[in-house]
C-alpha atoms as a PDB file:
ATOM      1  CA  MET A   1      76.224 144.645  37.581  1.00  0.00           C
ATOM      2  CA  ILE A   2      75.407 141.675  35.312  1.00  0.00           C
ATOM      3  CA  THR A   3      75.856 141.735  31.535  1.00  0.00           C
ATOM      4  CA  ILE A   4      74.532 138.757  29.556  1.00  0.00           C
ATOM      5  CA  LEU A   5      76.958 137.934  26.744  1.00  0.00           C
ATOM      6  CA  GLN A   6      75.192 134.762  25.566  1.00  0.00           C
ATOM      7  CA  GLY A   7      71.888 133.604  26.994  1.00  0.00           C
ATOM      8  CA  LEU A   8      69.045 131.148  26.531  1.00  0.00           C
ATOM      9  CA  SER A   9      65.560 131.648  25.109  1.00  0.00           C
ATOM     10  CA  GLY A  10      63.024 129.709  23.072  1.00  0.00           C
ATOM     11  CA  LYS A  11      63.396 125.971  22.355  1.00  0.00           C
ATOM     12  CA  TYR A  12      66.494 123.779  22.139  1.00  0.00           C
ATOM     13  CA  PHE A  13      67.186 120.126  21.527  1.00  0.00           C
ATOM     14  CA  SER A  14      69.076 118.586  24.419  1.00  0.00           C
ATOM     15  CA  CYS A  15      72.075 117.755  22.212  1.00  0.00           C
ATOM     16  CA  ASN A  16      72.522 121.346  21.082  1.00  0.00           C
ATOM     17  CA  ILE A  17      72.256 123.756  24.024  1.00  0.00           C
ATOM     18  CA  PRO A  18      74.591 126.759  23.795  1.00  0.00           C
ATOM     19  CA  ASP A  19      76.849 127.865  26.624  1.00  0.00           C
ATOM     20  CA  VAL A  20      75.633 130.637  28.899  1.00  0.00           C
ATOM     21  CA  GLU A  21      78.110 133.465  29.281  1.00  0.00           C
ATOM     22  CA  PHE A  22      77.843 136.623  31.349  1.00  0.00           C
ATOM     23  CA  ALA A  23      80.087 139.305  32.811  1.00  0.00           C
ATOM     24  CA  ILE A  24      79.900 140.573  36.382  1.00  0.00           C
ATOM     25  CA  SER A  25      81.500 143.455  38.223  1.00  0.00           C
ATOM     26  CA  GLY A  26      81.820 141.729  41.612  1.00  0.00           C
ATOM     27  CA  GLU A  27      84.028 138.949  42.946  1.00  0.00           C
ATOM     28  CA  ASN A  28      81.441 136.166  42.698  1.00  0.00           C
ATOM     29  CA  LEU A  29      77.785 135.524  42.024  1.00  0.00           C
ATOM     30  CA  PRO A  30      75.264 132.795  42.924  1.00  0.00           C
ATOM     31  CA  VAL A  31      73.777 130.892  39.988  1.00  0.00           C
ATOM     32  CA  GLU A  32      70.737 128.624  40.231  1.00  0.00           C
ATOM     33  CA  ILE A  33      69.377 126.318  37.535  1.00  0.00           C
ATOM     34  CA  THR A  34      65.918 124.770  37.807  1.00  0.00           C
ATOM     35  CA  ILE A  35      64.151 122.105  35.757  1.00  0.00           C
ATOM     36  CA  ASP A  36      60.352 122.225  35.873  1.00  0.00           C
ATOM     37  CA  GLY A  37      60.660 124.326  39.013  1.00  0.00           C
ATOM     38  CA  GLU A  38      63.043 121.924  40.759  1.00  0.00           C
ATOM     39  CA  SER A  39      66.497 123.217  41.621  1.00  0.00           C
ATOM     40  CA  VAL A  40      69.254 121.035  40.159  1.00  0.00           C
ATOM     41  CA  PHE A  41      72.205 123.429  40.468  1.00  0.00           C
ATOM     42  CA  ASN A  42      72.828 126.162  43.031  1.00  0.00           C
ATOM     43  CA  GLU A  43      76.411 127.352  43.436  1.00  0.00           C
ATOM     44  CA  ILE A  44      78.475 130.483  43.924  1.00  0.00           C
ATOM     45  CA  LEU A  45      80.683 130.970  40.868  1.00  0.00           C
ATOM     46  CA  TYR A  46      83.814 133.050  40.428  1.00  0.00           C
ATOM     47  CA  PRO A  47      84.663 134.820  37.166  1.00  0.00           C
ATOM     48  CA  ILE A  48      87.776 134.594  35.024  1.00  0.00           C
ATOM     49  CA  ASP A  49      88.669 138.031  33.709  1.00  0.00           C
ATOM     50  CA  GLY A  50      85.242 139.185  34.840  1.00  0.00           C
ATOM     51  CA  VAL A  51      83.360 136.536  32.828  1.00  0.00           C
ATOM     52  CA  ILE A  52      81.499 133.401  33.994  1.00  0.00           C
ATOM     53  CA  THR A  53      80.639 130.677  31.453  1.00  0.00           C
ATOM     54  CA  LEU A  54      78.337 127.703  31.987  1.00  0.00           C
ATOM     55  CA  HIS A  55      79.679 124.960  29.719  1.00  0.00           C
ATOM     56  CA  ASP A  56      78.122 121.660  28.582  1.00  0.00           C
ATOM     57  CA  LEU A  57      74.565 122.309  29.701  1.00  0.00           C
ATOM     58  CA  SER A  58      73.493 119.426  27.459  1.00  0.00           C
ATOM     59  CA  GLY A  59      75.150 117.034  29.897  1.00  0.00           C
ATOM     60  CA  LEU A  60      73.077 118.483  32.729  1.00  0.00           C
ATOM     61  CA  PHE A  61      69.706 118.523  30.968  1.00  0.00           C
ATOM     62  CA  ASN A  62      69.894 115.452  28.743  1.00  0.00           C
ATOM     63  CA  SER A  63      68.843 112.793  31.260  1.00  0.00           C
ATOM     64  CA  TYR A  64      65.918 114.896  32.497  1.00  0.00           C
ATOM     65  CA  ALA A  65      64.760 115.582  28.946  1.00  0.00           C
ATOM     66  CA  ARG A  66      65.071 111.889  28.056  1.00  0.00           C
ATOM     67  CA  GLN A  67      62.780 110.969  30.925  1.00  0.00           C
ATOM     68  CA  ARG A  68      60.143 113.693  30.347  1.00  0.00           C
ATOM     69  CA  LEU A  69      60.655 114.438  26.632  1.00  0.00           C
ATOM     70  CA  VAL A  70      60.139 118.185  27.198  1.00  0.00           C
ATOM     71  CA  ILE A  71      61.359 120.221  30.176  1.00  0.00           C
ATOM     72  CA  ASP A  72      61.217 123.896  31.124  1.00  0.00           C
ATOM     73  CA  ILE A  73      64.472 125.313  32.459  1.00  0.00           C
ATOM     74  CA  SER A  74      65.473 128.564  34.077  1.00  0.00           C
ATOM     75  CA  VAL A  75      68.877 130.036  34.891  1.00  0.00           C
ATOM     76  CA  THR A  76      68.887 132.699  37.592  1.00  0.00           C
ATOM     77  CA  ILE A  77      72.021 134.809  37.942  1.00  0.00           C
ATOM     78  CA  GLY A  78      72.304 136.609  41.255  1.00  0.00           C
ATOM     79  CA  VAL A  79      69.916 136.487  44.185  1.00  0.00           C
ATOM     80  CA  SER A  80      66.414 136.127  42.784  1.00  0.00           C
ATOM     81  CA  GLN A  81      64.968 138.779  45.103  1.00  0.00           C
ATOM     82  CA  ALA A  82      67.654 141.340  44.268  1.00  0.00           C
ATOM     83  CA  ASP A  83      67.112 144.134  41.763  1.00  0.00           C
ATOM     84  CA  ASP A  84      70.234 143.245  39.773  1.00  0.00           C
ATOM     85  CA  SER A  85      69.412 139.530  39.249  1.00  0.00           C
ATOM     86  CA  GLN A  86      68.542 138.168  35.828  1.00  0.00           C
ATOM     87  CA  THR A  87      66.622 135.042  34.875  1.00  0.00           C
ATOM     88  CA  MET A  88      66.653 133.230  31.541  1.00  0.00           C
ATOM     89  CA  THR A  89      64.026 130.642  30.606  1.00  0.00           C
ATOM     90  CA  ALA A  90      63.824 128.104  27.791  1.00  0.00           C
ATOM     91  CA  SER A  91      62.318 124.770  26.812  1.00  0.00           C
ATOM     92  CA  VAL A  92      64.540 121.749  26.210  1.00  0.00           C
ATOM     93  CA  ILE A  93      63.299 118.888  24.028  1.00  0.00           C
ATOM     94  CA  TYR A  94      65.071 115.570  24.082  1.00  0.00           C
ATOM     95  CA  GLY A  95      66.911 115.068  20.827  1.00  0.00           C
ATOM     96  CA  SER A  96      70.186 113.448  19.859  1.00  0.00           C
ATOM     97  CA  ALA A  97      70.028 114.297  16.136  1.00  0.00           C
ATOM     98  CA  ASP A  98      71.597 117.370  14.560  1.00  0.00           C
ATOM     99  CA  VAL A  99      68.629 118.472  12.433  1.00  0.00           C
ATOM    100  CA  GLY A 100      70.330 121.515  10.936  1.00  0.00           C
ATOM    101  CA  ILE A 101      67.599 123.999  11.895  1.00  0.00           C
ATOM    102  CA  ASP A 102      66.519 125.508  15.184  1.00  0.00           C
ATOM    103  CA  ALA A 103      64.321 123.400  17.443  1.00  0.00           C
ATOM    104  CA  ASP A 104      61.357 125.785  17.262  1.00  0.00           C
ATOM    105  CA  THR A 105      61.199 125.573  13.458  1.00  0.00           C
ATOM    106  CA  PHE A 106      61.648 121.802  13.448  1.00  0.00           C
ATOM    107  CA  CYS A 107      58.968 121.156  16.067  1.00  0.00           C
ATOM    108  CA  SER A 108      56.479 123.406  14.252  1.00  0.00           C
ATOM    109  CA  ASN A 109      56.942 121.682  10.896  1.00  0.00           C
ATOM    110  CA  TYR A 110      57.915 118.077  11.579  1.00  0.00           C
ATOM    111  CA  PHE A 111      56.904 115.101  13.662  1.00  0.00           C
ATOM    112  CA  LEU A 112      59.458 113.750  16.134  1.00  0.00           C
ATOM    113  CA  SER A 113      61.128 111.391  13.699  1.00  0.00           C
ATOM    114  CA  ILE A 114      64.016 111.535  11.256  1.00  0.00           C
ATOM    115  CA  LEU A 115      61.823 109.862   8.604  1.00  0.00           C
ATOM    116  CA  MET A 116      61.701 112.489   5.845  1.00  0.00           C
ATOM    117  CA  GLY A 117      59.450 110.746   3.361  1.00  0.00           C
ATOM    118  CA  ALA A 118      56.657 108.223   2.973  1.00  0.00           C
ATOM    119  CA  LYS A 119      56.531 105.171   5.213  1.00  0.00           C
ATOM    120  CA  GLU A 120      55.239 101.910   3.797  1.00  0.00           C
ATOM    121  CA  THR A 121      52.737 100.125   6.008  1.00  0.00           C
ATOM    122  CA  ALA A 122      49.879  97.624   5.748  1.00  0.00           C
ATOM    123  CA  VAL A 123      46.480  97.096   7.284  1.00  0.00           C
ATOM    124  CA  GLY A 124      46.899  95.316  10.614  1.00  0.00           C
ATOM    125  CA  ARG A 125      50.090  97.127  11.565  1.00  0.00           C
ATOM    126  CA  LEU A 126      50.413  99.551  14.444  1.00  0.00           C
ATOM    127  CA  GLU A 127      51.797 103.029  13.710  1.00  0.00           C
ATOM    128  CA  TYR A 128      52.460 105.990  16.009  1.00  0.00           C
ATOM    129  CA  LEU A 129      53.395 109.626  15.484  1.00  0.00           C
ATOM    130  CA  HIS A 130      54.620 112.093  18.084  1.00  0.00           C
ATOM    131  CA  TYR A 131      54.874 115.877  18.002  1.00  0.00           C
ATOM    132  CA  ILE A 132      55.510 118.844  20.253  1.00  0.00           C
ATOM    133  CA  GLY A 133      52.360 120.738  21.201  1.00  0.00           C
ATOM    134  CA  THR A 134      48.693 119.895  21.421  1.00  0.00           C
ATOM    135  CA  ASP A 135      47.536 120.710  17.886  1.00  0.00           C
ATOM    136  CA  SER A 136      44.591 118.645  16.691  1.00  0.00           C
ATOM    137  CA  ALA A 137      45.415 116.097  14.001  1.00  0.00           C
ATOM    138  CA  GLU A 138      43.502 114.662  11.061  1.00  0.00           C
ATOM    139  CA  CYS A 139      44.087 112.082   8.367  1.00  0.00           C
ATOM    140  CA  ARG A 140      43.285 112.365   4.658  1.00  0.00           C
ATOM    141  CA  ALA A 141      42.932 108.943   3.063  1.00  0.00           C
ATOM    142  CA  PHE A 142      43.200 108.477  -0.715  1.00  0.00           C
ATOM    143  CA  TYR A 143      41.442 105.523  -2.382  1.00  0.00           C
ATOM    144  CA  ALA A 144      41.951 103.710  -5.683  1.00  0.00           C
ATOM    145  CA  ASP A 145      38.797 105.189  -7.249  1.00  0.00           C
ATOM    146  CA  GLY A 146      39.978 108.738  -6.584  1.00  0.00           C
ATOM    147  CA  GLN A 147      37.847 109.418  -3.523  1.00  0.00           C
ATOM    148  CA  ILE A 148      39.315 111.229  -0.499  1.00  0.00           C
ATOM    149  CA  GLU A 149      37.994 110.875   3.035  1.00  0.00           C
ATOM    150  CA  THR A 150      39.024 112.797   6.137  1.00  0.00           C
ATOM    151  CA  PHE A 151      39.255 111.097   9.540  1.00  0.00           C
ATOM    152  CA  SER A 152      39.911 112.315  13.043  1.00  0.00           C
ATOM    153  CA  VAL A 153      42.971 110.817  14.727  1.00  0.00           C
ATOM    154  CA  ASP A 154      43.046 109.209  18.173  1.00  0.00           C
ATOM    155  CA  VAL A 155      45.330 110.738  20.798  1.00  0.00           C
ATOM    156  CA  VAL A 156      46.859 107.897  22.807  1.00  0.00           C
ATOM    157  CA  GLY A 157      49.512 109.666  24.879  1.00  0.00           C
ATOM    158  CA  GLY A 158      51.262 112.858  25.815  1.00  0.00           C
ATOM    159  CA  ASN A 159      50.525 115.818  28.055  1.00  0.00           C
ATOM    160  CA  ASP A 160      50.244 119.598  27.724  1.00  0.00           C
ATOM    161  CA  ARG A 161      53.677 119.680  26.048  1.00  0.00           C
ATOM    162  CA  TYR A 162      53.621 116.882  23.478  1.00  0.00           C
ATOM    163  CA  THR A 163      51.122 114.547  21.793  1.00  0.00           C
ATOM    164  CA  THR A 164      51.188 110.916  20.672  1.00  0.00           C
ATOM    165  CA  ILE A 165      48.641 109.769  18.077  1.00  0.00           C
ATOM    166  CA  ASP A 166      47.660 106.374  16.715  1.00  0.00           C
ATOM    167  CA  VAL A 167      47.818 106.434  12.907  1.00  0.00           C
ATOM    168  CA  SER A 168      47.437 102.710  12.222  1.00  0.00           C
ATOM    169  CA  PRO A 169      46.050 102.146   8.697  1.00  0.00           C
ATOM    170  CA  GLN A 170      43.077 100.029   9.773  1.00  0.00           C
ATOM    171  CA  LYS A 171      41.593 103.152  11.352  1.00  0.00           C
ATOM    172  CA  PHE A 172      41.261 104.739   7.920  1.00  0.00           C
ATOM    173  CA  LEU A 173      39.240 102.149   6.020  1.00  0.00           C
ATOM    174  CA  ARG A 174      36.515 103.861   4.018  1.00  0.00           C
ATOM    175  CA  SER A 175      33.424 104.257   6.153  1.00  0.00           C
ATOM    176  CA  SER A 176      30.998 103.324   3.351  1.00  0.00           C
ATOM    177  CA  ASP A 177      32.435  99.979   2.233  1.00  0.00           C
ATOM    178  CA  GLY A 178      35.600  99.305   4.281  1.00  0.00           C
ATOM    179  CA  ALA A 179      37.938  99.777   1.316  1.00  0.00           C
ATOM    180  CA  GLU A 180      41.626 100.144   2.077  1.00  0.00           C
ATOM    181  CA  PRO A 181      43.262 103.428   1.115  1.00  0.00           C
ATOM    182  CA  GLU A 182      46.109 103.518  -1.375  1.00  0.00           C
ATOM    183  CA  SER A 183      47.851 106.055   0.834  1.00  0.00           C
ATOM    184  CA  TYR A 184      47.052 108.504   3.593  1.00  0.00           C
ATOM    185  CA  THR A 185      48.542 111.682   4.989  1.00  0.00           C
ATOM    186  CA  VAL A 186      48.475 112.650   8.648  1.00  0.00           C
ATOM    187  CA  ILE A 187      48.316 116.404   9.278  1.00  0.00           C
ATOM    188  CA  ALA A 188      48.908 118.206  12.583  1.00  0.00           C
ATOM    189  CA  GLY A 189      49.354 121.955  12.168  1.00  0.00           C
ATOM    190  CA  ASP A 190      52.069 122.394   9.527  1.00  0.00           C
ATOM    191  CA  ARG A 191      53.345 118.832   9.997  1.00  0.00           C
ATOM    192  CA  ARG A 192      52.791 116.224   7.307  1.00  0.00           C
ATOM    193  CA  GLN A 193      53.554 112.500   7.254  1.00  0.00           C
ATOM    194  CA  GLN A 194      52.574 110.271   4.353  1.00  0.00           C
ATOM    195  CA  PHE A 195      51.973 106.530   4.532  1.00  0.00           C
ATOM    196  CA  THR A 196      51.623 104.187   1.555  1.00  0.00           C
ATOM    197  CA  ILE A 197      49.723 100.909   1.786  1.00  0.00           C
ATOM    198  CA  ASN A 198      51.167  97.548   0.758  1.00  0.00           C
ATOM    199  CA  HIS A 199      48.012  95.584  -0.051  1.00  0.00           C
ATOM    200  CA  GLU A 200      49.878  92.277  -0.106  1.00  0.00           C
ATOM    201  CA  CYS A 201      50.210  92.544   3.697  1.00  0.00           C
ATOM    202  CA  PRO A 202      53.472  90.563   3.834  1.00  0.00           C
ATOM    203  CA  ASP A 203      54.086  88.605   6.996  1.00  0.00           C
ATOM    204  CA  CYS A 204      56.549  90.363   9.301  1.00  0.00           C
ATOM    205  CA  ALA A 205      59.260  88.906  11.499  1.00  0.00           C
ATOM    206  CA  PRO A 206      60.544  90.423  13.605  1.00  0.00           C
ATOM    207  CA  ILE A 207      58.474  93.445  14.589  1.00  0.00           C
ATOM    208  CA  LEU A 208      60.538  95.821  16.683  1.00  0.00           C
ATOM    209  CA  ILE A 209      59.511  98.851  18.700  1.00  0.00           C
ATOM    210  CA  PHE A 210      62.441 101.138  19.455  1.00  0.00           C
ATOM    211  CA  VAL A 211      63.192 104.511  20.979  1.00  0.00           C
ATOM    212  CA  ASN A 212      64.249 106.960  18.292  1.00  0.00           C
ATOM    213  CA  SER A 213      66.544 110.003  18.404  1.00  0.00           C
ATOM    214  CA  PHE A 214      63.784 112.077  20.006  1.00  0.00           C
ATOM    215  CA  GLY A 215      62.986 109.634  22.792  1.00  0.00           C
ATOM    216  CA  CYS A 216      59.774 108.420  21.102  1.00  0.00           C
ATOM    217  CA  ASP A 217      58.617 104.937  20.129  1.00  0.00           C
ATOM    218  CA  GLU A 218      58.611 103.895  16.483  1.00  0.00           C
ATOM    219  CA  LEU A 219      58.026 100.506  14.885  1.00  0.00           C
ATOM    220  CA  LEU A 220      60.001  98.538  12.306  1.00  0.00           C
ATOM    221  CA  TYR A 221      58.329  95.714  10.368  1.00  0.00           C
ATOM    222  CA  CYS A 222      60.832  93.358   8.756  1.00  0.00           C
ATOM    223  CA  THR A 223      59.517  91.449   5.750  1.00  0.00           C
ATOM    224  CA  GLY A 224      62.625  89.480   4.781  1.00  0.00           C
ATOM    225  CA  VAL A 225      63.925  86.119   5.950  1.00  0.00           C
ATOM    226  CA  HIS A 226      64.087  85.609   9.714  1.00  0.00           C
ATOM    227  CA  LYS A 227      66.510  83.047  11.148  1.00  0.00           C
ATOM    228  CA  VAL A 228      67.524  81.840  14.568  1.00  0.00           C
ATOM    229  CA  ALA A 229      70.970  80.435  15.361  1.00  0.00           C
ATOM    230  CA  PRO A 230      71.231  79.147  18.939  1.00  0.00           C
ATOM    231  CA  SER A 231      74.654  78.350  20.318  1.00  0.00           C
ATOM    232  CA  TYR A 232      75.634  76.565  23.508  1.00  0.00           C
ATOM    233  CA  LYS A 233      78.706  76.970  25.636  1.00  0.00           C
ATOM    234  CA  ARG A 234      79.206  73.814  27.677  1.00  0.00           C
ATOM    235  CA  SER A 235      81.387  73.442  30.747  1.00  0.00           C
ATOM    236  CA  SER A 236      82.023  69.817  31.634  1.00  0.00           C
ATOM    237  CA  SER A 237      83.938  67.833  34.193  1.00  0.00           C
ATOM    238  CA  TYR A 238      84.175  64.327  35.590  1.00  0.00           C
ATOM    239  CA  ILE A 239      81.801  64.061  38.515  1.00  0.00           C
ATOM    240  CA  SER A 240      81.642  60.770  40.430  1.00  0.00           C
ATOM    241  CA  GLY A 241      83.674  59.216  37.644  1.00  0.00           C
ATOM    242  CA  LYS A 242      81.317  60.363  34.866  1.00  0.00           C
ATOM    243  CA  LEU A 243      81.686  63.201  32.391  1.00  0.00           C
ATOM    244  CA  ARG A 244      78.859  65.653  32.929  1.00  0.00           C
ATOM    245  CA  ASN A 245      77.918  69.110  31.687  1.00  0.00           C
ATOM    246  CA  TYR A 246      77.657  71.110  34.888  1.00  0.00           C
ATOM    247  CA  ASP A 247      76.928  74.413  33.167  1.00  0.00           C
ATOM    248  CA  ILE A 248      75.288  75.088  29.785  1.00  0.00           C
ATOM    249  CA  GLU A 249      75.085  78.682  28.600  1.00  0.00           C
ATOM    250  CA  GLU A 250      72.609  79.197  25.766  1.00  0.00           C
ATOM    251  CA  THR A 251      72.755  82.177  23.409  1.00  0.00           C
ATOM    252  CA  ARG A 252      69.968  82.595  20.874  1.00  0.00           C
ATOM    253  CA  THR A 253      71.041  84.870  18.049  1.00  0.00           C
ATOM    254  CA  PHE A 254      68.314  85.971  15.649  1.00  0.00           C
ATOM    255  CA  LYS A 255      69.117  87.193  12.154  1.00  0.00           C
ATOM    256  CA  ALA A 256      66.668  89.506  10.435  1.00  0.00           C
ATOM    257  CA  ASP A 257      66.269  91.022   6.983  1.00  0.00           C
ATOM    258  CA  THR A 258      64.316  94.264   6.594  1.00  0.00           C
ATOM    259  CA  GLY A 259      63.092  93.433   3.113  1.00  0.00           C
ATOM    260  CA  ILE A 260      63.251  96.068   0.384  1.00  0.00           C
ATOM    261  CA  LEU A 261      62.853  99.632   1.673  1.00  0.00           C
ATOM    262  CA  ASN A 262      62.237 102.920  -0.077  1.00  0.00           C
ATOM    263  CA  THR A 263      64.923 105.598   0.096  1.00  0.00           C
ATOM    264  CA  ALA A 264      63.381 107.500   2.996  1.00  0.00           C
ATOM    265  CA  MET A 265      62.954 104.348   5.081  1.00  0.00           C
ATOM    266  CA  ALA A 266      66.474 103.193   4.215  1.00  0.00           C
ATOM    267  CA  ASN A 267      67.851 106.383   5.761  1.00  0.00           C
ATOM    268  CA  TRP A 268      65.457 106.049   8.705  1.00  0.00           C
ATOM    269  CA  PHE A 269      66.512 102.437   9.408  1.00  0.00           C
ATOM    270  CA  ASP A 270      69.733 103.637  11.073  1.00  0.00           C
ATOM    271  CA  GLU A 271      67.531 104.756  13.970  1.00  0.00           C
ATOM    272  CA  VAL A 272      67.024 101.117  14.886  1.00  0.00           C
ATOM    273  CA  LEU A 273      70.745 100.448  14.911  1.00  0.00           C
ATOM    274  CA  ARG A 274      71.569 103.446  17.107  1.00  0.00           C
ATOM    275  CA  SER A 275      68.679 102.921  19.530  1.00  0.00           C
ATOM    276  CA  ASP A 276      69.598 101.830  23.052  1.00  0.00           C
ATOM    277  CA  TYR A 277      66.135 100.441  23.868  1.00  0.00           C
ATOM    278  CA  VAL A 278      64.609  97.906  21.464  1.00  0.00           C
ATOM    279  CA  ARG A 279      61.789  95.450  22.207  1.00  0.00           C
ATOM    280  CA  ILE A 280      60.009  92.683  20.342  1.00  0.00           C
ATOM    281  CA  VAL A 281      56.332  93.137  19.442  1.00  0.00           C
ATOM    282  CA  ASN A 282      54.038  90.143  18.949  1.00  0.00           C
ATOM    283  CA  PHE A 283      50.496  90.379  17.646  1.00  0.00           C
ATOM    284  CA  ILE A 284      48.299  87.935  19.552  1.00  0.00           C
ATOM    285  CA  ASP A 285      44.758  87.595  18.162  1.00  0.00           C
ATOM    286  CA  GLY A 286      45.310  90.889  16.376  1.00  0.00           C
ATOM    287  CA  ASN A 287      46.357  92.739  19.534  1.00  0.00           C
ATOM    288  CA  PRO A 288      49.905  94.079  19.962  1.00  0.00           C
ATOM    289  CA  ASP A 289      51.927  92.740  22.858  1.00  0.00           C
ATOM    290  CA  VAL A 290      55.234  94.459  23.613  1.00  0.00           C
ATOM    291  CA  GLY A 291      57.560  91.742  24.756  1.00  0.00           C
ATOM    292  CA  ARG A 292      61.150  91.284  25.808  1.00  0.00           C
ATOM    293  CA  GLU A 293      63.965  93.728  25.314  1.00  0.00           C
ATOM    294  CA  VAL A 294      66.586  92.781  22.753  1.00  0.00           C
ATOM    295  CA  VAL A 295      70.072  94.012  21.899  1.00  0.00           C
ATOM    296  CA  ILE A 296      71.302  94.405  18.336  1.00  0.00           C
ATOM    297  CA  THR A 297      74.701  92.741  18.160  1.00  0.00           C
ATOM    298  CA  ASP A 298      75.644  93.023  14.493  1.00  0.00           C
ATOM    299  CA  SER A 299      74.375  94.849  11.426  1.00  0.00           C
ATOM    300  CA  LYS A 300      75.064  95.549   7.779  1.00  0.00           C
ATOM    301  CA  SER A 301      73.548  98.791   6.525  1.00  0.00           C
ATOM    302  CA  GLU A 302      75.635  99.694   3.494  1.00  0.00           C
ATOM    303  CA  ARG A 303      73.903 101.579   0.692  1.00  0.00           C
ATOM    304  CA  SER A 304      74.946 103.449  -2.408  1.00  0.00           C
ATOM    305  CA  ASN A 305      73.542 105.578  -5.199  1.00  0.00           C
ATOM    306  CA  ALA A 306      73.725 102.765  -7.756  1.00  0.00           C
ATOM    307  CA  TYR A 307      70.693 102.822 -10.057  1.00  0.00           C
ATOM    308  CA  ASP A 308      70.092  99.089  -9.796  1.00  0.00           C
ATOM    309  CA  GLU A 309      70.361  98.885  -6.008  1.00  0.00           C
ATOM    310  CA  LEU A 310      67.287  98.173  -3.913  1.00  0.00           C
ATOM    311  CA  PRO A 311      68.097  98.992  -0.287  1.00  0.00           C
ATOM    312  CA  ARG A 312      67.628  96.192   2.219  1.00  0.00           C
ATOM    313  CA  PHE A 313      69.571  95.551   5.382  1.00  0.00           C
ATOM    314  CA  THR A 314      70.380  92.690   7.709  1.00  0.00           C
ATOM    315  CA  PHE A 315      71.077  92.645  11.404  1.00  0.00           C
ATOM    316  CA  SER A 316      71.433  90.238  14.306  1.00  0.00           C
ATOM    317  CA  TYR A 317      69.962  90.543  17.771  1.00  0.00           C
ATOM    318  CA  GLN A 318      69.762  88.669  21.067  1.00  0.00           C
ATOM    319  CA  TYR A 319      67.581  88.792  24.143  1.00  0.00           C
ATOM    320  CA  SER A 320      68.988  91.269  26.642  1.00  0.00           C
ATOM    321  CA  GLN A 321      68.126  88.990  29.568  1.00  0.00           C
ATOM    322  CA  ARG A 322      70.607  86.357  30.708  1.00  0.00           C
ATOM    323  CA  ASN A 323      68.202  83.437  30.296  1.00  0.00           C
ATOM    324  CA  HIS A 324      67.686  82.758  26.591  1.00  0.00           C
ATOM    325  CA  ASN A 325      65.483  79.705  27.122  1.00  0.00           C
ATOM    326  CA  VAL A 326      62.359  81.697  26.256  1.00  0.00           C
ATOM    327  CA  LEU A 327      58.961  80.101  25.734  1.00  0.00           C
ATOM    328  CA  ASN A 328      56.496  82.249  23.810  1.00  0.00           C
ATOM    329  CA  MET A 329      53.086  81.157  25.060  1.00  0.00           C
ATOM    330  CA  GLY A 330      51.235  83.440  22.667  1.00  0.00           C
ATOM    331  CA  ARG A 331      52.518  81.722  19.528  1.00  0.00           C
ATOM    332  CA  ALA A 332      52.339  78.014  20.304  1.00  0.00           C
ATOM    333  CA  GLY A 333      53.177  75.756  17.385  1.00  0.00           C
ATOM    334  CA  ARG A 334      55.170  78.337  15.473  1.00  0.00           C
ATOM    335  CA  ILE A 335      58.721  77.583  14.481  1.00  0.00           C
ATOM    336  CA  PHE A 336      60.681  80.814  14.273  1.00  0.00           C
ATOM    337  CA  ASP A 337      59.856  82.406  10.943  1.00  0.00           C
ATOM    338  CA  ASN A 338      56.389  83.803  10.353  1.00  0.00           C
ATOM    339  CA  THR A 339      56.624  83.250   6.602  1.00  0.00           C
ATOM    340  CA  PHE A 340      57.675  79.610   6.970  1.00  0.00           C
ATOM    341  CA  ASP A 341      54.896  78.927   9.477  1.00  0.00           C
ATOM    342  CA  ARG A 342      52.304  80.618   7.353  1.00  0.00           C
ATOM    343  CA  THR A 343      53.234  78.491   4.367  1.00  0.00           C
ATOM    344  CA  PHE A 344      53.839  75.063   5.888  1.00  0.00           C
ATOM    345  CA  ASN A 345      52.083  74.874   9.278  1.00  0.00           C
END
C-alpha cells in the first residue's frame, strides 16, 4: 500500500521544488523519475520508519530545465503496470529567483523577467520578452498627440511551452507618419510590460545581452562613460646575451557606467551582475551582432532611499577568452567609447 504524504502537481520553478514524501507498507519500492518521457532515475528505495522521502529534486531537475526552459516530469512509485502504483506529474520551469508566489500564478501574470516596472529604451534598440505559454501578444503605442495605435507583435522564438517576442521600439512607429511613440505597453494574456522612449537616443557602450534568472536573454544598454584599461604582464630573460620579453600576457579590462536608471531598472540591473553568461552586442549597419562572451570582474551597485540619489552603477568586465588581442572588424576606426567617437571622429 502506498500513501502519498507530500506530492507534486502543477507548475514549479526549478529552485523551489518540494520534497516528495510517501509511506509504504512493504520493505522496499521501485521509484522512477522521467523528464520529457526520458528516464533519469530508476532505483529501489528502502523506507525509514515506513516513509521514503525524495530530497533536493531541484538539484536533479535544474540542469535539464536550464537547457530546455520548461520540462515535464513524472514520478512513478511502484511498478507502473501494477494496480497499487501511483504517478505524479508536474511542469518545471527554470528559475533561480524566489518570486514569493507560486509558479502558476507568476507565469500567468508576468513575463519571465524580474523587471517590475517600466523599461527605458530608444528607437534602434533591440528588445525581447519571454513568457510561458503560447498566448498571442499585442502592443499598444501611445503618441505625443494623444493617439493610441495597436500593433501585432512578432514571435521570434519558443515552442509549444514558451514564447519569445520581439518588442523593439522601431516596430511601433506610427503607420501614418512614422512618429515615435512616447511609450508602449506589450500585452500577452494578463501580462503587461511598459516601455518608455528616450527620444535623445543616447549612444550606448557597452551593449550586453545576458541570461537572466529565468534562463532567458535580456539586453542592457549602458549610456555612461565607457573606458578600457589594458594591462600587460611581461616575462623576460636574457636570451643570447640580450634581454627579451619571451611571454607577454595582455588583459583588457573594460569599465562601464550604466547611466542614470529608474527605480525598476536599478533593481533589475543586479540580474546582469549575477548572470553567468554575458555577451557583447554590436550593431553593424543597424543590424545586431552578438559577439564575444565576457566576464564581469568587479561591480559597484550600492543604492539607497535618499531623495537626491539618482541610481547609476559601474562595473568592470573582461573577455572570457584567453586571447585579449581582439580586432573588431565591424567597427573600424572607432576608439573604444561610442560617445567619444561620435563626437570627435
